[in-house]
Amino acid sequence: MTAIMRASVRGGSRAVLRALMAGCFAVTLAGCYQTEVAEKEYPTDYRQRHPIVLREGAQNVDILLGRNRGGLTPSQRADVVSYA
């Protein structure tokens, strides 16, 4: 330990350090306290438990064409194949 740390830990500083640690511990445990009780019933239908819905609709495929591009990228090629 350095001389500064030794000087700060001596005497009344130890009591302050202990009080500070106890306070931090108490604040940490206070976050675990919960007053609300879960009163809602758990839904039995899977559509209510997992409300994710997929819908098919119009889809746009953007393909950039131009000189000196060297062809389609693999992701663009996969888009064209899936569209076809």
Protein backbone atom coordinates (compact mmCIF):
# COMPACT_ATOMS: atom_id res chain seq x y z
CA MET A 1 0.00 0.00 0.00
CA THR A 2 1.18 3.47 -0.66
CA ALA A 3 1.68 6.09 2.01
CA ILE A 4 -1.43 7.98 0.87
CA MET A 5 -3.62 4.89 1.17
CA ARG A 6 -2.20 4.09 4.62
CA ALA A 7 -2.91 7.60 5.83
CA SER A 8 -6.48 7.56 4.52
CA VAL A 9 -7.33 4.19 6.11
CA ARG A 10 -6.10 5.11 9.61
CA GLY A 11 -8.23 6.35 12.47
CA GLY A 12 -11.69 7.71 11.69
CA SER A 13 -11.33 6.98 8.02
CA ARG A 14 -11.87 3.28 8.66
CA ALA A 15 -15.21 3.99 10.29
CA VAL A 16 -16.23 6.21 7.41
CA LEU A 17 -15.14 3.56 4.93
CA ARG A 18 -17.13 0.87 6.75
CA ALA A 19 -20.21 3.10 6.89
CA LEU A 20 -19.87 3.86 3.20
CA MET A 21 -19.57 0.17 2.34
CA ALA A 22 -22.60 -0.68 4.52
CA GLY A 23 -24.58 2.09 2.81
CA CYS A 24 -23.65 0.80 -0.65
CA PHE A 25 -24.64 -2.71 0.39
CA ALA A 26 -27.98 -1.47 1.74
CA VAL A 27 -28.70 0.46 -1.47
CA THR A 28 -27.86 -2.63 -3.51
CA LEU A 29 -30.28 -4.78 -1.51
CA ALA A 30 -32.96 -2.08 -1.62
CA GLY A 31 -33.21 -2.58 -5.38
CA CYS A 32 -34.40 -6.16 -4.78
CA TYR A 33 -37.45 -5.08 -2.76
CA GLN A 34 -40.69 -5.32 -4.72
CA THR A 35 -44.08 -4.15 -3.49
CA GLU A 36 -46.20 -5.09 -6.51
CA VAL A 37 -47.81 -8.49 -6.67
CA ALA A 38 -48.38 -10.08 -10.05
CA GLU A 39 -52.15 -10.37 -10.21
CA LYS A 40 -52.60 -10.82 -13.95
CA GLU A 41 -53.30 -14.31 -15.14
CA TYR A 42 -50.86 -15.91 -17.53
CA PRO A 43 -52.50 -16.22 -20.97
CA THR A 44 -53.22 -19.78 -22.02
CA ASP A 45 -53.60 -19.07 -25.73
CA TYR A 46 -50.33 -19.07 -27.70
CA ARG A 47 -51.53 -16.09 -29.79
CA GLN A 48 -51.75 -13.99 -26.63
CA ARG A 49 -48.41 -15.19 -25.25
CA HIS A 50 -46.57 -14.64 -28.53
CA PRO A 51 -48.26 -11.79 -30.42
CA ILE A 52 -45.80 -11.79 -33.35
CA VAL A 53 -47.48 -11.94 -36.73
CA LEU A 54 -45.76 -12.20 -40.10
CA ARG A 55 -47.50 -10.82 -43.14
CA GLU A 56 -46.54 -11.04 -46.76
CA GLY A 57 -46.83 -7.96 -48.88
CA ALA A 58 -45.17 -5.94 -51.57
CA GLN A 59 -41.40 -6.15 -51.53
CA ASN A 60 -38.85 -3.95 -53.28
CA VAL A 61 -35.50 -5.21 -54.52
CA ASP A 62 -32.94 -2.48 -55.21
CA ILE A 63 -30.15 -3.47 -57.57
CA LEU A 64 -27.49 -0.92 -58.39
CA LEU A 65 -26.23 -1.15 -61.98
CA GLY A 66 -23.46 0.83 -63.56
CA ARG A 67 -20.14 0.74 -65.31
CA ASN A 68 -17.09 -0.87 -63.78
CA ARG A 69 -19.03 -2.62 -61.02
CA GLY A 70 -17.79 -6.08 -61.89
CA GLY A 71 -21.13 -7.84 -61.37
CA LEU A 72 -23.60 -8.36 -58.56
CA THR A 73 -22.59 -8.82 -54.96
CA PRO A 74 -23.51 -12.15 -53.36
CA SER A 75 -26.39 -10.57 -51.42
CA GLN A 76 -27.75 -8.92 -54.59
CA ARG A 77 -27.41 -12.20 -56.48
CA ALA A 78 -29.39 -13.98 -53.72
CA ASP A 79 -32.12 -11.31 -53.92
CA VAL A 80 -32.43 -11.75 -57.69
CA VAL A 81 -32.58 -15.56 -57.39
CA SER A 82 -35.24 -15.42 -54.67
CA TYR A 83 -37.26 -12.90 -56.72
CA ALA A 84 -37.07 -15.08 -59.82
